[in-house]
Full PDB file with SEQRES, HELIX, SHEET, SSBOND, CRYST1, ORIGX, SCALE, CONECT and MASTER records, all heavy atoms in Angstrom:
SEQRES   1 A   37  ILE ALA ARG LEU SER VAL GLN ALA VAL GLN THR PHE LEU          
SEQRES   2 A   37  ASN GLN GLN LEU ALA ALA GLY LYS SER VAL ARG SER VAL          
SEQRES   3 A   37  GLN ILE LEU ARG GLU THR LEU ARG SER ALA LEU                  
HELIX    1 AA1 VAL A    6  ALA A   18  1                                  13    
HELIX    2 AA2 VAL A   23  ALA A   36  1                                  14    
CRYST1    1.000    1.000    1.000  90.00  90.00  90.00 P 1           1          
ORIGX1      1.000000  0.000000  0.000000        0.00000                         
ORIGX2      0.000000  1.000000  0.000000        0.00000                         
ORIGX3      0.000000  0.000000  1.000000        0.00000                         
SCALE1      1.000000  0.000000  0.000000        0.00000                         
SCALE2      0.000000  1.000000  0.000000        0.00000                         
SCALE3      0.000000  0.000000  1.000000        0.00000                         
ATOM      1  N   ILE A   1       0.811  -1.204   0.000  1.00  0.00           N  
ATOM      2  CA  ILE A   1       0.000   0.000   0.000  1.00  0.00           C  
ATOM      3  C   ILE A   1       0.851   1.263   0.000  1.00  0.00           C  
ATOM      4  O   ILE A   1       0.487   2.279  -0.598  1.00  0.00           O  
ATOM      5  CB  ILE A   1      -0.975  -0.024   1.201  1.00  0.00           C  
ATOM      6  CG1 ILE A   1      -2.013   1.082   1.051  1.00  0.00           C  
ATOM      7  CG2 ILE A   1      -0.229   0.089   2.524  1.00  0.00           C  
ATOM      8  CD1 ILE A   1      -3.116   1.002   2.081  1.00  0.00           C  
ATOM      9  N   ALA A   2       2.043   1.190   0.638  1.00  0.00           N  
ATOM     10  CA  ALA A   2       2.913   2.361   0.688  1.00  0.00           C  
ATOM     11  C   ALA A   2       3.574   2.635  -0.659  1.00  0.00           C  
ATOM     12  O   ALA A   2       4.024   3.749  -0.915  1.00  0.00           O  
ATOM     13  CB  ALA A   2       3.973   2.186   1.760  1.00  0.00           C  
ATOM     14  N   ARG A   3       3.646   1.620  -1.526  1.00  0.00           N  
ATOM     15  CA  ARG A   3       4.297   1.779  -2.827  1.00  0.00           C  
ATOM     16  C   ARG A   3       3.290   1.852  -3.973  1.00  0.00           C  
ATOM     17  O   ARG A   3       3.675   1.814  -5.137  1.00  0.00           O  
ATOM     18  CB  ARG A   3       5.258   0.614  -3.077  1.00  0.00           C  
ATOM     19  CG  ARG A   3       6.413   0.577  -2.090  1.00  0.00           C  
ATOM     20  CD  ARG A   3       7.379  -0.532  -2.441  1.00  0.00           C  
ATOM     21  NE  ARG A   3       8.504  -0.563  -1.505  1.00  0.00           N  
ATOM     22  CZ  ARG A   3       9.523  -1.426  -1.587  1.00  0.00           C  
ATOM     23  NH1 ARG A   3       9.535  -2.334  -2.568  1.00  0.00           N  
ATOM     24  NH2 ARG A   3      10.501  -1.388  -0.709  1.00  0.00           N  
ATOM     25  N   LEU A   4       2.027   1.953  -3.658  1.00  0.00           N  
ATOM     26  CA  LEU A   4       1.007   2.043  -4.697  1.00  0.00           C  
ATOM     27  C   LEU A   4       1.138   3.396  -5.404  1.00  0.00           C  
ATOM     28  O   LEU A   4       1.152   4.447  -4.760  1.00  0.00           O  
ATOM     29  CB  LEU A   4      -0.385   1.914  -4.079  1.00  0.00           C  
ATOM     30  CG  LEU A   4      -1.553   1.713  -5.039  1.00  0.00           C  
ATOM     31  CD1 LEU A   4      -1.407   0.418  -5.813  1.00  0.00           C  
ATOM     32  CD2 LEU A   4      -2.867   1.731  -4.267  1.00  0.00           C  
ATOM     33  N   SER A   5       1.247   3.372  -6.705  1.00  0.00           N  
ATOM     34  CA  SER A   5       1.494   4.586  -7.471  1.00  0.00           C  
ATOM     35  C   SER A   5       0.275   4.979  -8.290  1.00  0.00           C  
ATOM     36  O   SER A   5      -0.624   4.171  -8.552  1.00  0.00           O  
ATOM     37  CB  SER A   5       2.694   4.384  -8.407  1.00  0.00           C  
ATOM     38  OG  SER A   5       2.406   3.390  -9.371  1.00  0.00           O  
ATOM     39  N   VAL A   6       0.272   6.238  -8.721  1.00  0.00           N  
ATOM     40  CA  VAL A   6      -0.796   6.733  -9.584  1.00  0.00           C  
ATOM     41  C   VAL A   6      -0.801   5.965 -10.902  1.00  0.00           C  
ATOM     42  O   VAL A   6      -1.857   5.605 -11.432  1.00  0.00           O  
ATOM     43  CB  VAL A   6      -0.625   8.244  -9.842  1.00  0.00           C  
ATOM     44  CG1 VAL A   6      -1.683   8.754 -10.799  1.00  0.00           C  
ATOM     45  CG2 VAL A   6      -0.663   9.018  -8.536  1.00  0.00           C  
ATOM     46  N   GLN A   7       0.387   5.680 -11.417  1.00  0.00           N  
ATOM     47  CA  GLN A   7       0.489   4.970 -12.685  1.00  0.00           C  
ATOM     48  C   GLN A   7      -0.129   3.574 -12.600  1.00  0.00           C  
ATOM     49  O   GLN A   7      -0.817   3.132 -13.527  1.00  0.00           O  
ATOM     50  CB  GLN A   7       1.955   4.874 -13.106  1.00  0.00           C  
ATOM     51  CG  GLN A   7       2.165   4.195 -14.445  1.00  0.00           C  
ATOM     52  CD  GLN A   7       3.621   4.100 -14.823  1.00  0.00           C  
ATOM     53  OE1 GLN A   7       4.504   4.427 -14.033  1.00  0.00           O  
ATOM     54  NE2 GLN A   7       3.893   3.661 -16.041  1.00  0.00           N  
ATOM     55  N   ALA A   8       0.125   2.871 -11.482  1.00  0.00           N  
ATOM     56  CA  ALA A   8      -0.420   1.518 -11.333  1.00  0.00           C  
ATOM     57  C   ALA A   8      -1.948   1.540 -11.286  1.00  0.00           C  
ATOM     58  O   ALA A   8      -2.615   0.718 -11.923  1.00  0.00           O  
ATOM     59  CB  ALA A   8       0.141   0.874 -10.069  1.00  0.00           C  
ATOM     60  N   VAL A   9      -2.520   2.486 -10.555  1.00  0.00           N  
ATOM     61  CA  VAL A   9      -3.979   2.577 -10.454  1.00  0.00           C  
ATOM     62  C   VAL A   9      -4.585   3.008 -11.784  1.00  0.00           C  
ATOM     63  O   VAL A   9      -5.616   2.468 -12.219  1.00  0.00           O  
ATOM     64  CB  VAL A   9      -4.373   3.552  -9.327  1.00  0.00           C  
ATOM     65  CG1 VAL A   9      -5.881   3.703  -9.263  1.00  0.00           C  
ATOM     66  CG2 VAL A   9      -3.839   3.054  -7.982  1.00  0.00           C  
ATOM     67  N   GLN A  10      -3.946   3.969 -12.458  1.00  0.00           N  
ATOM     68  CA  GLN A  10      -4.450   4.428 -13.750  1.00  0.00           C  
ATOM     69  C   GLN A  10      -4.457   3.292 -14.770  1.00  0.00           C  
ATOM     70  O   GLN A  10      -5.427   3.108 -15.525  1.00  0.00           O  
ATOM     71  CB  GLN A  10      -3.592   5.585 -14.260  1.00  0.00           C  
ATOM     72  CG  GLN A  10      -4.074   6.192 -15.567  1.00  0.00           C  
ATOM     73  CD  GLN A  10      -5.319   7.043 -15.377  1.00  0.00           C  
ATOM     74  OE1 GLN A  10      -5.295   8.072 -14.697  1.00  0.00           O  
ATOM     75  NE2 GLN A  10      -6.419   6.632 -15.993  1.00  0.00           N  
ATOM     76  N   THR A  11      -3.390   2.510 -14.792  1.00  0.00           N  
ATOM     77  CA  THR A  11      -3.306   1.387 -15.722  1.00  0.00           C  
ATOM     78  C   THR A  11      -4.385   0.353 -15.437  1.00  0.00           C  
ATOM     79  O   THR A  11      -5.031  -0.172 -16.355  1.00  0.00           O  
ATOM     80  CB  THR A  11      -1.926   0.733 -15.639  1.00  0.00           C  
ATOM     81  OG1 THR A  11      -0.922   1.718 -15.947  1.00  0.00           O  
ATOM     82  CG2 THR A  11      -1.802  -0.434 -16.609  1.00  0.00           C  
ATOM     83  N   PHE A  12      -4.614   0.066 -14.163  1.00  0.00           N  
ATOM     84  CA  PHE A  12      -5.629  -0.911 -13.785  1.00  0.00           C  
ATOM     85  C   PHE A  12      -7.026  -0.465 -14.230  1.00  0.00           C  
ATOM     86  O   PHE A  12      -7.787  -1.237 -14.813  1.00  0.00           O  
ATOM     87  CB  PHE A  12      -5.597  -1.121 -12.274  1.00  0.00           C  
ATOM     88  CG  PHE A  12      -6.795  -1.835 -11.721  1.00  0.00           C  
ATOM     89  CD1 PHE A  12      -6.974  -3.185 -11.928  1.00  0.00           C  
ATOM     90  CD2 PHE A  12      -7.771  -1.139 -11.013  1.00  0.00           C  
ATOM     91  CE1 PHE A  12      -8.095  -3.852 -11.437  1.00  0.00           C  
ATOM     92  CE2 PHE A  12      -8.881  -1.784 -10.512  1.00  0.00           C  
ATOM     93  CZ  PHE A  12      -9.049  -3.144 -10.732  1.00  0.00           C  
ATOM     94  N   LEU A  13      -7.356   0.799 -13.995  1.00  0.00           N  
ATOM     95  CA  LEU A  13      -8.687   1.290 -14.370  1.00  0.00           C  
ATOM     96  C   LEU A  13      -8.845   1.362 -15.884  1.00  0.00           C  
ATOM     97  O   LEU A  13      -9.927   1.086 -16.419  1.00  0.00           O  
ATOM     98  CB  LEU A  13      -8.921   2.666 -13.738  1.00  0.00           C  
ATOM     99  CG  LEU A  13      -8.971   2.694 -12.205  1.00  0.00           C  
ATOM    100  CD1 LEU A  13      -9.184   4.111 -11.700  1.00  0.00           C  
ATOM    101  CD2 LEU A  13     -10.060   1.773 -11.670  1.00  0.00           C  
ATOM    102  N   ASN A  14      -7.771   1.716 -16.599  1.00  0.00           N  
ATOM    103  CA  ASN A  14      -7.839   1.725 -18.060  1.00  0.00           C  
ATOM    104  C   ASN A  14      -8.085   0.320 -18.605  1.00  0.00           C  
ATOM    105  O   ASN A  14      -8.799   0.145 -19.604  1.00  0.00           O  
ATOM    106  CB  ASN A  14      -6.546   2.289 -18.637  1.00  0.00           C  
ATOM    107  CG  ASN A  14      -6.419   3.792 -18.386  1.00  0.00           C  
ATOM    108  OD1 ASN A  14      -7.394   4.460 -18.040  1.00  0.00           O  
ATOM    109  ND2 ASN A  14      -5.212   4.307 -18.546  1.00  0.00           N  
ATOM    110  N   GLN A  15      -7.505  -0.668 -17.966  1.00  0.00           N  
ATOM    111  CA  GLN A  15      -7.730  -2.051 -18.393  1.00  0.00           C  
ATOM    112  C   GLN A  15      -9.190  -2.459 -18.199  1.00  0.00           C  
ATOM    113  O   GLN A  15      -9.742  -3.199 -19.020  1.00  0.00           O  
ATOM    114  CB  GLN A  15      -6.801  -2.989 -17.614  1.00  0.00           C  
ATOM    115  CG  GLN A  15      -5.329  -2.854 -17.983  1.00  0.00           C  
ATOM    116  CD  GLN A  15      -4.427  -3.668 -17.072  1.00  0.00           C  
ATOM    117  OE1 GLN A  15      -4.875  -4.180 -16.028  1.00  0.00           O  
ATOM    118  NE2 GLN A  15      -3.157  -3.791 -17.435  1.00  0.00           N  
ATOM    119  N   GLN A  16      -9.811  -1.983 -17.125  1.00  0.00           N  
ATOM    120  CA  GLN A  16     -11.217  -2.293 -16.905  1.00  0.00           C  
ATOM    121  C   GLN A  16     -12.107  -1.666 -17.981  1.00  0.00           C  
ATOM    122  O   GLN A  16     -13.059  -2.283 -18.455  1.00  0.00           O  
ATOM    123  CB  GLN A  16     -11.649  -1.797 -15.516  1.00  0.00           C  
ATOM    124  CG  GLN A  16     -10.903  -2.448 -14.363  1.00  0.00           C  
ATOM    125  CD  GLN A  16     -11.093  -3.952 -14.337  1.00  0.00           C  
ATOM    126  OE1 GLN A  16     -12.209  -4.445 -14.508  1.00  0.00           O  
ATOM    127  NE2 GLN A  16     -10.015  -4.686 -14.134  1.00  0.00           N  
ATOM    128  N   LEU A  17     -11.775  -0.434 -18.379  1.00  0.00           N  
ATOM    129  CA  LEU A  17     -12.524   0.205 -19.453  1.00  0.00           C  
ATOM    130  C   LEU A  17     -12.345  -0.544 -20.770  1.00  0.00           C  
ATOM    131  O   LEU A  17     -13.301  -0.744 -21.527  1.00  0.00           O  
ATOM    132  CB  LEU A  17     -12.082   1.659 -19.609  1.00  0.00           C  
ATOM    133  CG  LEU A  17     -12.489   2.636 -18.497  1.00  0.00           C  
ATOM    134  CD1 LEU A  17     -11.809   3.984 -18.700  1.00  0.00           C  
ATOM    135  CD2 LEU A  17     -14.003   2.817 -18.481  1.00  0.00           C  
ATOM    136  N   ALA A  18     -11.097  -0.957 -21.037  1.00  0.00           N  
ATOM    137  CA  ALA A  18     -10.819  -1.688 -22.276  1.00  0.00           C  
ATOM    138  C   ALA A  18     -11.519  -3.040 -22.306  1.00  0.00           C  
ATOM    139  O   ALA A  18     -11.840  -3.556 -23.382  1.00  0.00           O  
ATOM    140  CB  ALA A  18      -9.311  -1.865 -22.448  1.00  0.00           C  
ATOM    141  N   ALA A  19     -11.773  -3.612 -21.121  1.00  0.00           N  
ATOM    142  CA  ALA A  19     -12.448  -4.908 -21.057  1.00  0.00           C  
ATOM    143  C   ALA A  19     -13.954  -4.799 -21.273  1.00  0.00           C  
ATOM    144  O   ALA A  19     -14.645  -5.824 -21.294  1.00  0.00           O  
ATOM    145  CB  ALA A  19     -12.162  -5.572 -19.714  1.00  0.00           C  
ATOM    146  N   GLY A  20     -14.458  -3.594 -21.414  1.00  0.00           N  
ATOM    147  CA  GLY A  20     -15.875  -3.414 -21.703  1.00  0.00           C  
ATOM    148  C   GLY A  20     -16.719  -2.931 -20.555  1.00  0.00           C  
ATOM    149  O   GLY A  20     -17.943  -2.786 -20.709  1.00  0.00           O  
ATOM    150  N   LYS A  21     -16.135  -2.644 -19.401  1.00  0.00           N  
ATOM    151  CA  LYS A  21     -16.926  -2.138 -18.281  1.00  0.00           C  
ATOM    152  C   LYS A  21     -17.328  -0.695 -18.551  1.00  0.00           C  
ATOM    153  O   LYS A  21     -16.601   0.064 -19.184  1.00  0.00           O  
ATOM    154  CB  LYS A  21     -16.128  -2.234 -16.967  1.00  0.00           C  
ATOM    155  CG  LYS A  21     -15.862  -3.659 -16.532  1.00  0.00           C  
ATOM    156  CD  LYS A  21     -15.390  -3.706 -15.093  1.00  0.00           C  
ATOM    157  CE  LYS A  21     -16.485  -3.333 -14.121  1.00  0.00           C  
ATOM    158  NZ  LYS A  21     -17.600  -4.280 -14.134  1.00  0.00           N  
ATOM    159  N   SER A  22     -18.500  -0.332 -18.062  1.00  0.00           N  
ATOM    160  CA  SER A  22     -19.005   1.017 -18.287  1.00  0.00           C  
ATOM    161  C   SER A  22     -18.202   2.036 -17.479  1.00  0.00           C  
ATOM    162  O   SER A  22     -17.522   1.695 -16.495  1.00  0.00           O  
ATOM    163  CB  SER A  22     -20.480   1.100 -17.890  1.00  0.00           C  
ATOM    164  OG  SER A  22     -20.639   0.910 -16.495  1.00  0.00           O  
ATOM    165  N   VAL A  23     -18.301   3.273 -17.899  1.00  0.00           N  
ATOM    166  CA  VAL A  23     -17.583   4.345 -17.196  1.00  0.00           C  
ATOM    167  C   VAL A  23     -18.062   4.447 -15.758  1.00  0.00           C  
ATOM    168  O   VAL A  23     -17.261   4.625 -14.823  1.00  0.00           O  
ATOM    169  CB  VAL A  23     -17.779   5.684 -17.933  1.00  0.00           C  
ATOM    170  CG1 VAL A  23     -17.163   6.834 -17.136  1.00  0.00           C  
ATOM    171  CG2 VAL A  23     -17.164   5.616 -19.319  1.00  0.00           C  
ATOM    172  N   ARG A  24     -19.359   4.303 -15.549  1.00  0.00           N  
ATOM    173  CA  ARG A  24     -19.892   4.411 -14.191  1.00  0.00           C  
ATOM    174  C   ARG A  24     -19.387   3.287 -13.305  1.00  0.00           C  
ATOM    175  O   ARG A  24     -19.057   3.511 -12.128  1.00  0.00           O  
ATOM    176  CB  ARG A  24     -21.422   4.408 -14.240  1.00  0.00           C  
ATOM    177  CG  ARG A  24     -22.075   4.557 -12.872  1.00  0.00           C  
ATOM    178  CD  ARG A  24     -21.575   5.781 -12.156  1.00  0.00           C  
ATOM    179  NE  ARG A  24     -22.078   5.875 -10.799  1.00  0.00           N  
ATOM    180  CZ  ARG A  24     -21.517   6.603  -9.850  1.00  0.00           C  
ATOM    181  NH1 ARG A  24     -20.403   7.288 -10.111  1.00  0.00           N  
ATOM    182  NH2 ARG A  24     -22.039   6.652  -8.644  1.00  0.00           N  
ATOM    183  N   SER A  25     -19.283   2.062 -13.836  1.00  0.00           N  
ATOM    184  CA  SER A  25     -18.777   0.936 -13.041  1.00  0.00           C  
ATOM    185  C   SER A  25     -17.331   1.163 -12.639  1.00  0.00           C  
ATOM    186  O   SER A  25     -16.927   0.873 -11.501  1.00  0.00           O  
ATOM    187  CB  SER A  25     -18.909  -0.362 -13.840  1.00  0.00           C  
ATOM    188  OG  SER A  25     -20.260  -0.638 -14.143  1.00  0.00           O  
ATOM    189  N   VAL A  26     -16.517   1.689 -13.556  1.00  0.00           N  
ATOM    190  CA  VAL A  26     -15.112   1.964 -13.231  1.00  0.00           C  
ATOM    191  C   VAL A  26     -15.020   3.111 -12.238  1.00  0.00           C  
ATOM    192  O   VAL A  26     -14.147   3.119 -11.360  1.00  0.00           O  
ATOM    193  CB  VAL A  26     -14.329   2.260 -14.519  1.00  0.00           C  
ATOM    194  CG1 VAL A  26     -12.876   2.614 -14.202  1.00  0.00           C  
ATOM    195  CG2 VAL A  26     -14.367   1.053 -15.455  1.00  0.00           C  
ATOM    196  N   GLN A  27     -15.912   4.084 -12.337  1.00  0.00           N  
ATOM    197  CA  GLN A  27     -15.917   5.165 -11.350  1.00  0.00           C  
ATOM    198  C   GLN A  27     -16.212   4.637  -9.951  1.00  0.00           C  
ATOM    199  O   GLN A  27     -15.654   5.126  -8.963  1.00  0.00           O  
ATOM    200  CB  GLN A  27     -16.943   6.223 -11.741  1.00  0.00           C  
ATOM    201  CG  GLN A  27     -16.491   7.130 -12.868  1.00  0.00           C  
ATOM    202  CD  GLN A  27     -17.493   8.230 -13.154  1.00  0.00           C  
ATOM    203  OE1 GLN A  27     -18.647   8.159 -12.719  1.00  0.00           O  
ATOM    204  NE2 GLN A  27     -17.085   9.241 -13.892  1.00  0.00           N  
ATOM    205  N   ILE A  28     -17.086   3.639  -9.858  1.00  0.00           N  
ATOM    206  CA  ILE A  28     -17.382   3.043  -8.553  1.00  0.00           C  
ATOM    207  C   ILE A  28     -16.144   2.359  -7.988  1.00  0.00           C  
ATOM    208  O   ILE A  28     -15.869   2.420  -6.772  1.00  0.00           O  
ATOM    209  CB  ILE A  28     -18.560   2.063  -8.679  1.00  0.00           C  
ATOM    210  CG1 ILE A  28     -19.850   2.824  -8.985  1.00  0.00           C  
ATOM    211  CG2 ILE A  28     -18.726   1.235  -7.412  1.00  0.00           C  
ATOM    212  CD1 ILE A  28     -21.044   1.941  -9.239  1.00  0.00           C  
ATOM    213  N   LEU A  29     -15.361   1.704  -8.840  1.00  0.00           N  
ATOM    214  CA  LEU A  29     -14.104   1.091  -8.382  1.00  0.00           C  
ATOM    215  C   LEU A  29     -13.166   2.165  -7.842  1.00  0.00           C  
ATOM    216  O   LEU A  29     -12.538   1.977  -6.796  1.00  0.00           O  
ATOM    217  CB  LEU A  29     -13.442   0.334  -9.527  1.00  0.00           C  
ATOM    218  CG  LEU A  29     -14.199  -0.871 -10.095  1.00  0.00           C  
ATOM    219  CD1 LEU A  29     -13.392  -1.519 -11.211  1.00  0.00           C  
ATOM    220  CD2 LEU A  29     -14.500  -1.884  -9.007  1.00  0.00           C  
ATOM    221  N   ARG A  30     -13.036   3.270  -8.555  1.00  0.00           N  
ATOM    222  CA  ARG A  30     -12.154   4.341  -8.071  1.00  0.00           C  
ATOM    223  C   ARG A  30     -12.682   4.930  -6.762  1.00  0.00           C  
ATOM    224  O   ARG A  30     -11.895   5.228  -5.847  1.00  0.00           O  
ATOM    225  CB  ARG A  30     -12.048   5.440  -9.120  1.00  0.00           C  
ATOM    226  CG  ARG A  30     -11.117   6.565  -8.671  1.00  0.00           C  
ATOM    227  CD  ARG A  30     -11.008   7.662  -9.692  1.00  0.00           C  
ATOM    228  NE  ARG A  30     -12.271   8.350  -9.910  1.00  0.00           N  
ATOM    229  CZ  ARG A  30     -12.403   9.423 -10.693  1.00  0.00           C  
ATOM    230  NH1 ARG A  30     -11.354   9.894 -11.333  1.00  0.00           N  
ATOM    231  NH2 ARG A  30     -13.576   9.992 -10.850  1.00  0.00           N  
ATOM    232  N   GLU A  31     -14.000   5.116  -6.660  1.00  0.00           N  
ATOM    233  CA  GLU A  31     -14.554   5.657  -5.418  1.00  0.00           C  
ATOM    234  C   GLU A  31     -14.287   4.730  -4.239  1.00  0.00           C  
ATOM    235  O   GLU A  31     -13.996   5.188  -3.123  1.00  0.00           O  
ATOM    236  CB  GLU A  31     -16.053   5.882  -5.585  1.00  0.00           C  
ATOM    237  CG  GLU A  31     -16.399   7.010  -6.554  1.00  0.00           C  
ATOM    238  CD  GLU A  31     -17.875   7.048  -6.881  1.00  0.00           C  
ATOM    239  OE1 GLU A  31     -18.626   6.216  -6.299  1.00  0.00           O  
ATOM    240  OE2 GLU A  31     -18.288   7.876  -7.711  1.00  0.00           O  
ATOM    241  N   THR A  32     -14.395   3.431  -4.475  1.00  0.00           N  
ATOM    242  CA  THR A  32     -14.124   2.463  -3.405  1.00  0.00           C  
ATOM    243  C   THR A  32     -12.669   2.536  -2.972  1.00  0.00           C  
ATOM    244  O   THR A  32     -12.359   2.592  -1.769  1.00  0.00           O  
ATOM    245  CB  THR A  32     -14.462   1.042  -3.878  1.00  0.00           C  
ATOM    246  OG1 THR A  32     -15.827   1.004  -4.312  1.00  0.00           O  
ATOM    247  CG2 THR A  32     -14.262   0.038  -2.758  1.00  0.00           C  
ATOM    248  N   LEU A  33     -11.749   2.533  -3.940  1.00  0.00           N  
ATOM    249  CA  LEU A  33     -10.327   2.607  -3.609  1.00  0.00           C  
ATOM    250  C   LEU A  33      -9.975   3.937  -2.962  1.00  0.00           C  
ATOM    251  O   LEU A  33      -9.174   3.991  -2.019  1.00  0.00           O  
ATOM    252  CB  LEU A  33      -9.512   2.401  -4.881  1.00  0.00           C  
ATOM    253  CG  LEU A  33      -7.986   2.391  -4.714  1.00  0.00           C  
ATOM    254  CD1 LEU A  33      -7.558   1.281  -3.768  1.00  0.00           C  
ATOM    255  CD2 LEU A  33      -7.295   2.241  -6.064  1.00  0.00           C  
ATOM    256  N   ARG A  34     -10.574   5.003  -3.428  1.00  0.00           N  
ATOM    257  CA  ARG A  34     -10.298   6.322  -2.847  1.00  0.00           C  
ATOM    258  C   ARG A  34     -10.746   6.380  -1.397  1.00  0.00           C  
ATOM    259  O   ARG A  34     -10.048   6.944  -0.538  1.00  0.00           O  
ATOM    260  CB  ARG A  34     -11.011   7.398  -3.669  1.00  0.00           C  
ATOM    261  CG  ARG A  34     -10.793   8.811  -3.174  1.00  0.00           C  
ATOM    262  CD  ARG A  34     -11.409   9.805  -4.130  1.00  0.00           C  
ATOM    263  NE  ARG A  34     -12.841   9.575  -4.287  1.00  0.00           N  
ATOM    264  CZ  ARG A  34     -13.581  10.155  -5.225  1.00  0.00           C  
ATOM    265  NH1 ARG A  34     -13.023  10.987  -6.096  1.00  0.00           N  
ATOM    266  NH2 ARG A  34     -14.875   9.906  -5.303  1.00  0.00           N  
ATOM    267  N   SER A  35     -11.907   5.816  -1.109  1.00  0.00           N  
ATOM    268  CA  SER A  35     -12.384   5.801   0.272  1.00  0.00           C  
ATOM    269  C   SER A  35     -11.458   4.982   1.170  1.00  0.00           C  
ATOM    270  O   SER A  35     -11.155   5.388   2.307  1.00  0.00           O  
ATOM    271  CB  SER A  35     -13.803   5.239   0.316  1.00  0.00           C  
ATOM    272  OG  SER A  35     -14.301   5.203   1.633  1.00  0.00           O  
ATOM    273  N   ALA A  36     -10.990   3.835   0.673  1.00  0.00           N  
ATOM    274  CA  ALA A  36     -10.083   2.997   1.476  1.00  0.00           C  
ATOM    275  C   ALA A  36      -8.750   3.701   1.713  1.00  0.00           C  
ATOM    276  O   ALA A  36      -8.207   3.672   2.836  1.00  0.00           O  
ATOM    277  CB  ALA A  36      -9.867   1.662   0.779  1.00  0.00           C  
ATOM    278  N   LEU A  37      -8.199   4.337   0.691  1.00  0.00           N  
ATOM    279  CA  LEU A  37      -6.914   5.016   0.853  1.00  0.00           C  
ATOM    280  C   LEU A  37      -7.036   6.269   1.720  1.00  0.00           C  
ATOM    281  O   LEU A  37      -6.064   6.681   2.351  1.00  0.00           O  
ATOM    282  CB  LEU A  37      -6.332   5.361  -0.509  1.00  0.00           C  
ATOM    283  CG  LEU A  37      -5.923   4.160  -1.378  1.00  0.00           C  
ATOM    284  CD1 LEU A  37      -5.357   4.634  -2.712  1.00  0.00           C  
ATOM    285  CD2 LEU A  37      -4.900   3.295  -0.642  1.00  0.00           C  
TER     286      LEU A  37                                                      
MASTER        0    0    0    2    0    0    0    6  285    1    0    3          
END                                                                             
């Protein structure tokens, strides 16, 4: 968690979009991670 970078999170979310998930679903993933961090 201390070494988690912006690039790693951005790449992960971009992969979810490329896999066909909707923008709103990916936003929920970011909101969940943002709340935890």
